[in-house]
Amino acid sequence: MLRHGVAFLSLLAMLASSEIVSGAEDWRPEFEDVCGNISEAAVMSPMELQTLIAKGERVRKALESEREAVRIVYQKRVQKCLDLYRNIVESMQPEAMTPPPAQ
């Protein structure tokens, strides 16, 4: 498992270093903001989480113009961050708002 993580990080570093810095990478600071907060996600307010979700959606749209290799890696990463935030927001909802289980 650790080898896969190291290999993934190495691949990501290679992709990042091989890219030409351009205006198309304006999404990177927002990406870092979105996925850089996952360790604090459980203590954030629903409003903070919704803000991160909105930023993540903007990042996903911006990634559509990137090269395929970059787009695939970062879209998967941002999707995982968004899924985590959405699950936390859903778990914060009062039980009265959730439908009763089907019988």
N, C-alpha and C. Protein backbone atom coordinates (compact mmCIF):
# COMPACT_ATOMS: atom_id res chain seq x y z
N MET A 1 0.83 -1.19 0.00
CA MET A 1 0.00 0.00 0.00
C MET A 1 0.87 1.25 0.00
N LEU A 2 1.90 1.24 0.83
CA LEU A 2 2.79 2.38 0.91
C LEU A 2 3.53 2.59 -0.41
N ARG A 3 3.89 1.49 -1.07
CA ARG A 3 4.58 1.60 -2.36
C ARG A 3 3.70 2.29 -3.39
N HIS A 4 2.40 1.98 -3.36
CA HIS A 4 1.49 2.60 -4.31
C HIS A 4 1.40 4.10 -4.05
N GLY A 5 1.36 4.47 -2.79
CA GLY A 5 1.30 5.88 -2.44
C GLY A 5 2.55 6.62 -2.88
N VAL A 6 3.71 6.01 -2.67
CA VAL A 6 4.97 6.62 -3.08
C VAL A 6 5.03 6.73 -4.60
N ALA A 7 4.60 5.68 -5.28
CA ALA A 7 4.60 5.70 -6.74
C ALA A 7 3.65 6.77 -7.26
N PHE A 8 2.50 6.90 -6.64
CA PHE A 8 1.52 7.91 -7.05
C PHE A 8 2.09 9.30 -6.85
N LEU A 9 2.71 9.54 -5.70
CA LEU A 9 3.29 10.86 -5.43
C LEU A 9 4.43 11.16 -6.40
N SER A 10 5.22 10.15 -6.73
CA SER A 10 6.30 10.34 -7.70
C SER A 10 5.74 10.71 -9.07
N LEU A 11 4.71 10.00 -9.48
CA LEU A 11 4.07 10.30 -10.75
C LEU A 11 3.50 11.71 -10.75
N LEU A 12 2.85 12.08 -9.68
CA LEU A 12 2.27 13.41 -9.57
C LEU A 12 3.36 14.48 -9.62
N ALA A 13 4.47 14.24 -8.94
CA ALA A 13 5.58 15.20 -8.97
C ALA A 13 6.15 15.33 -10.38
N MET A 14 6.26 14.22 -11.09
CA MET A 14 6.77 14.27 -12.46
C MET A 14 5.83 15.07 -13.35
N LEU A 15 4.53 14.82 -13.20
CA LEU A 15 3.57 15.56 -14.01
C LEU A 15 3.64 17.04 -13.71
N ALA A 16 3.71 17.39 -12.45
CA ALA A 16 3.73 18.79 -12.06
C ALA A 16 5.01 19.47 -12.55
N SER A 17 6.14 18.80 -12.47
CA SER A 17 7.40 19.41 -12.88
C SER A 17 7.56 19.47 -14.39
N SER A 18 6.87 18.62 -15.11
CA SER A 18 7.03 18.60 -16.57
C SER A 18 6.10 19.59 -17.27
N GLU A 19 5.17 20.16 -16.54
CA GLU A 19 4.23 21.08 -17.15
C GLU A 19 4.86 22.45 -17.36
N ILE A 20 4.46 23.10 -18.39
CA ILE A 20 4.88 24.47 -18.63
C ILE A 20 3.94 25.36 -17.83
N VAL A 21 4.52 26.26 -17.04
CA VAL A 21 3.71 27.15 -16.22
C VAL A 21 3.03 28.15 -17.14
N SER A 22 1.73 28.22 -17.01
CA SER A 22 0.97 29.12 -17.87
C SER A 22 -0.25 29.62 -17.11
N GLY A 23 -1.03 30.45 -17.77
CA GLY A 23 -2.24 30.97 -17.16
C GLY A 23 -3.29 29.90 -16.98
N ALA A 24 -3.12 28.74 -17.63
CA ALA A 24 -4.09 27.66 -17.52
C ALA A 24 -4.06 27.00 -16.16
N GLU A 25 -3.06 27.30 -15.35
CA GLU A 25 -2.94 26.67 -14.05
C GLU A 25 -3.49 27.55 -12.93
N ASP A 26 -4.38 28.43 -13.25
CA ASP A 26 -4.99 29.29 -12.24
C ASP A 26 -5.80 28.49 -11.23
N TRP A 27 -6.11 27.26 -11.55
CA TRP A 27 -6.91 26.41 -10.67
C TRP A 27 -6.09 25.85 -9.52
N ARG A 28 -4.77 25.84 -9.62
CA ARG A 28 -3.93 25.20 -8.60
C ARG A 28 -4.09 25.78 -7.20
N PRO A 29 -4.11 27.10 -7.01
CA PRO A 29 -4.30 27.61 -5.64
C PRO A 29 -5.65 27.19 -5.04
N GLU A 30 -6.69 27.21 -5.86
CA GLU A 30 -8.00 26.76 -5.36
C GLU A 30 -7.99 25.27 -5.06
N PHE A 31 -7.31 24.50 -5.89
CA PHE A 31 -7.19 23.07 -5.64
C PHE A 31 -6.51 22.84 -4.29
N GLU A 32 -5.42 23.54 -4.04
CA GLU A 32 -4.71 23.40 -2.77
C GLU A 32 -5.59 23.81 -1.60
N ASP A 33 -6.40 24.83 -1.79
CA ASP A 33 -7.31 25.27 -0.74
C ASP A 33 -8.37 24.20 -0.47
N VAL A 34 -8.93 23.63 -1.52
CA VAL A 34 -9.98 22.63 -1.39
C VAL A 34 -9.44 21.35 -0.76
N CYS A 35 -8.42 20.78 -1.34
CA CYS A 35 -7.93 19.48 -0.87
C CYS A 35 -6.92 19.60 0.27
N GLY A 36 -6.48 20.81 0.57
CA GLY A 36 -5.55 21.01 1.67
C GLY A 36 -6.24 21.10 3.02
N ASN A 37 -7.56 21.09 3.04
CA ASN A 37 -8.32 21.24 4.28
C ASN A 37 -9.00 19.96 4.74
N ILE A 38 -8.70 18.84 4.15
CA ILE A 38 -9.44 17.62 4.49
C ILE A 38 -9.20 17.17 5.92
N SER A 39 -8.05 17.49 6.48
CA SER A 39 -7.79 17.05 7.86
C SER A 39 -8.62 17.83 8.87
N GLU A 40 -9.09 19.01 8.50
CA GLU A 40 -9.92 19.82 9.38
C GLU A 40 -11.40 19.73 9.04
N ALA A 41 -11.76 18.95 8.05
CA ALA A 41 -13.13 18.91 7.54
C ALA A 41 -14.16 18.55 8.61
N ALA A 42 -13.82 17.66 9.50
CA ALA A 42 -14.78 17.19 10.50
C ALA A 42 -15.18 18.27 11.50
N VAL A 43 -14.36 19.30 11.64
CA VAL A 43 -14.68 20.36 12.61
C VAL A 43 -15.15 21.65 11.93
N MET A 44 -15.30 21.63 10.63
CA MET A 44 -15.75 22.81 9.89
C MET A 44 -17.27 22.93 9.95
N SER A 45 -17.74 24.15 9.78
CA SER A 45 -19.19 24.38 9.74
C SER A 45 -19.71 23.95 8.37
N PRO A 46 -21.01 23.67 8.28
CA PRO A 46 -21.59 23.32 6.98
C PRO A 46 -21.36 24.41 5.93
N MET A 47 -21.38 25.68 6.37
CA MET A 47 -21.16 26.79 5.43
C MET A 47 -19.73 26.77 4.88
N GLU A 48 -18.75 26.50 5.73
CA GLU A 48 -17.37 26.40 5.28
C GLU A 48 -17.21 25.24 4.30
N LEU A 49 -17.85 24.13 4.61
CA LEU A 49 -17.78 22.97 3.73
C LEU A 49 -18.43 23.26 2.38
N GLN A 50 -19.56 23.95 2.39
CA GLN A 50 -20.24 24.30 1.14
C GLN A 50 -19.37 25.23 0.30
N THR A 51 -18.64 26.12 0.95
CA THR A 51 -17.73 27.01 0.23
C THR A 51 -16.63 26.20 -0.44
N LEU A 52 -16.07 25.22 0.27
CA LEU A 52 -15.04 24.37 -0.31
C LEU A 52 -15.60 23.52 -1.45
N ILE A 53 -16.83 23.07 -1.31
CA ILE A 53 -17.47 22.29 -2.38
C ILE A 53 -17.62 23.15 -3.63
N ALA A 54 -18.05 24.40 -3.46
CA ALA A 54 -18.20 25.30 -4.61
C ALA A 54 -16.85 25.55 -5.28
N LYS A 55 -15.80 25.76 -4.49
CA LYS A 55 -14.47 25.95 -5.06
C LYS A 55 -14.03 24.69 -5.81
N GLY A 56 -14.32 23.54 -5.24
CA GLY A 56 -13.95 22.28 -5.88
C GLY A 56 -14.64 22.11 -7.23
N GLU A 57 -15.88 22.53 -7.30
CA GLU A 57 -16.61 22.45 -8.58
C GLU A 57 -15.97 23.38 -9.61
N ARG A 58 -15.52 24.56 -9.17
CA ARG A 58 -14.83 25.47 -10.10
C ARG A 58 -13.52 24.83 -10.59
N VAL A 59 -12.82 24.16 -9.68
CA VAL A 59 -11.58 23.49 -10.07
C VAL A 59 -11.87 22.40 -11.09
N ARG A 60 -12.92 21.62 -10.86
CA ARG A 60 -13.28 20.56 -11.82
C ARG A 60 -13.53 21.13 -13.21
N LYS A 61 -14.23 22.26 -13.28
CA LYS A 61 -14.49 22.88 -14.59
C LYS A 61 -13.20 23.38 -15.23
N ALA A 62 -12.32 23.97 -14.42
CA ALA A 62 -11.06 24.49 -14.94
C ALA A 62 -10.17 23.36 -15.45
N LEU A 63 -10.26 22.21 -14.85
CA LEU A 63 -9.43 21.07 -15.24
C LEU A 63 -9.80 20.53 -16.62
N GLU A 64 -10.99 20.84 -17.09
CA GLU A 64 -11.43 20.32 -18.39
C GLU A 64 -10.52 20.77 -19.52
N SER A 65 -9.82 21.90 -19.34
CA SER A 65 -8.95 22.41 -20.40
C SER A 65 -7.51 21.92 -20.27
N GLU A 66 -7.22 21.10 -19.28
CA GLU A 66 -5.86 20.60 -19.07
C GLU A 66 -5.59 19.36 -19.94
N ARG A 67 -4.30 19.04 -20.05
CA ARG A 67 -3.91 17.82 -20.75
C ARG A 67 -4.52 16.62 -20.04
N GLU A 68 -4.72 15.54 -20.79
CA GLU A 68 -5.42 14.37 -20.26
C GLU A 68 -4.79 13.82 -18.99
N ALA A 69 -3.48 13.65 -18.97
CA ALA A 69 -2.81 13.06 -17.80
C ALA A 69 -3.02 13.92 -16.56
N VAL A 70 -2.89 15.21 -16.69
CA VAL A 70 -3.08 16.13 -15.56
C VAL A 70 -4.54 16.12 -15.15
N ARG A 71 -5.43 16.22 -16.13
CA ARG A 71 -6.86 16.26 -15.86
C ARG A 71 -7.33 15.03 -15.09
N ILE A 72 -6.90 13.85 -15.51
CA ILE A 72 -7.34 12.61 -14.87
C ILE A 72 -6.89 12.55 -13.41
N VAL A 73 -5.63 12.85 -13.17
CA VAL A 73 -5.09 12.77 -11.80
C VAL A 73 -5.79 13.76 -10.88
N TYR A 74 -5.88 15.01 -11.31
CA TYR A 74 -6.44 16.04 -10.43
C TYR A 74 -7.95 15.93 -10.30
N GLN A 75 -8.63 15.50 -11.35
CA GLN A 75 -10.08 15.33 -11.23
C GLN A 75 -10.42 14.25 -10.21
N LYS A 76 -9.65 13.17 -10.20
CA LYS A 76 -9.90 12.12 -9.21
C LYS A 76 -9.62 12.63 -7.81
N ARG A 77 -8.55 13.38 -7.65
CA ARG A 77 -8.21 13.91 -6.32
C ARG A 77 -9.27 14.88 -5.83
N VAL A 78 -9.69 15.81 -6.69
CA VAL A 78 -10.68 16.79 -6.26
C VAL A 78 -12.02 16.11 -6.01
N GLN A 79 -12.36 15.08 -6.77
CA GLN A 79 -13.61 14.35 -6.55
C GLN A 79 -13.63 13.68 -5.19
N LYS A 80 -12.51 13.10 -4.79
CA LYS A 80 -12.43 12.47 -3.47
C LYS A 80 -12.60 13.50 -2.36
N CYS A 81 -12.01 14.66 -2.53
CA CYS A 81 -12.17 15.73 -1.53
C CYS A 81 -13.63 16.17 -1.46
N LEU A 82 -14.25 16.37 -2.62
CA LEU A 82 -15.65 16.79 -2.65
C LEU A 82 -16.57 15.74 -2.03
N ASP A 83 -16.30 14.47 -2.31
CA ASP A 83 -17.11 13.39 -1.73
C ASP A 83 -17.02 13.41 -0.21
N LEU A 84 -15.82 13.62 0.31
CA LEU A 84 -15.64 13.69 1.76
C LEU A 84 -16.45 14.85 2.34
N TYR A 85 -16.32 16.03 1.75
CA TYR A 85 -17.04 17.20 2.26
C TYR A 85 -18.55 16.99 2.20
N ARG A 86 -19.02 16.43 1.09
CA ARG A 86 -20.47 16.19 0.97
C ARG A 86 -20.96 15.18 2.00
N ASN A 87 -20.19 14.14 2.24
CA ASN A 87 -20.58 13.15 3.25
C ASN A 87 -20.63 13.76 4.64
N ILE A 88 -19.70 14.64 4.94
CA ILE A 88 -19.71 15.29 6.26
C ILE A 88 -20.92 16.21 6.38
N VAL A 89 -21.20 16.97 5.33
CA VAL A 89 -22.37 17.86 5.36
C VAL A 89 -23.65 17.05 5.55
N GLU A 90 -23.77 15.94 4.81
CA GLU A 90 -24.96 15.09 4.95
C GLU A 90 -25.08 14.52 6.35
N SER A 91 -23.96 14.16 6.96
CA SER A 91 -24.02 13.59 8.31
C SER A 91 -24.39 14.63 9.35
N MET A 92 -24.23 15.90 9.02
CA MET A 92 -24.58 16.98 9.95
C MET A 92 -26.07 17.32 9.90
N GLN A 93 -26.75 16.85 8.87
CA GLN A 93 -28.17 17.15 8.72
C GLN A 93 -28.96 16.50 9.86
N PRO A 94 -29.95 17.20 10.39
CA PRO A 94 -30.77 16.60 11.45
C PRO A 94 -31.49 15.36 10.93
N GLU A 95 -31.69 14.41 11.83
CA GLU A 95 -32.36 13.15 11.43
C GLU A 95 -33.77 13.39 10.93
N ALA A 96 -34.41 14.45 11.38
CA ALA A 96 -35.77 14.75 10.94
C ALA A 96 -35.81 15.03 9.44
N MET A 97 -34.69 15.49 8.87
CA MET A 97 -34.66 15.82 7.46
C MET A 97 -34.46 14.58 6.59
N THR A 98 -33.95 13.50 7.15
CA THR A 98 -33.70 12.30 6.35
C THR A 98 -34.96 11.47 6.28
N PRO A 99 -35.22 10.88 5.11
CA PRO A 99 -36.43 10.06 4.96
C PRO A 99 -36.32 8.79 5.81
N PRO A 100 -37.46 8.28 6.24
CA PRO A 100 -37.43 7.02 7.02
C PRO A 100 -37.00 5.87 6.13
N PRO A 101 -36.41 4.83 6.69
CA PRO A 101 -35.98 3.70 5.88
C PRO A 101 -37.17 3.01 5.22
N ALA A 102 -36.94 2.49 4.01
CA ALA A 102 -37.99 1.78 3.28
C ALA A 102 -38.29 0.46 3.96
N GLN A 103 -39.56 0.10 3.94
CA GLN A 103 -39.96 -1.14 4.60
C GLN A 103 -40.13 -2.25 3.62
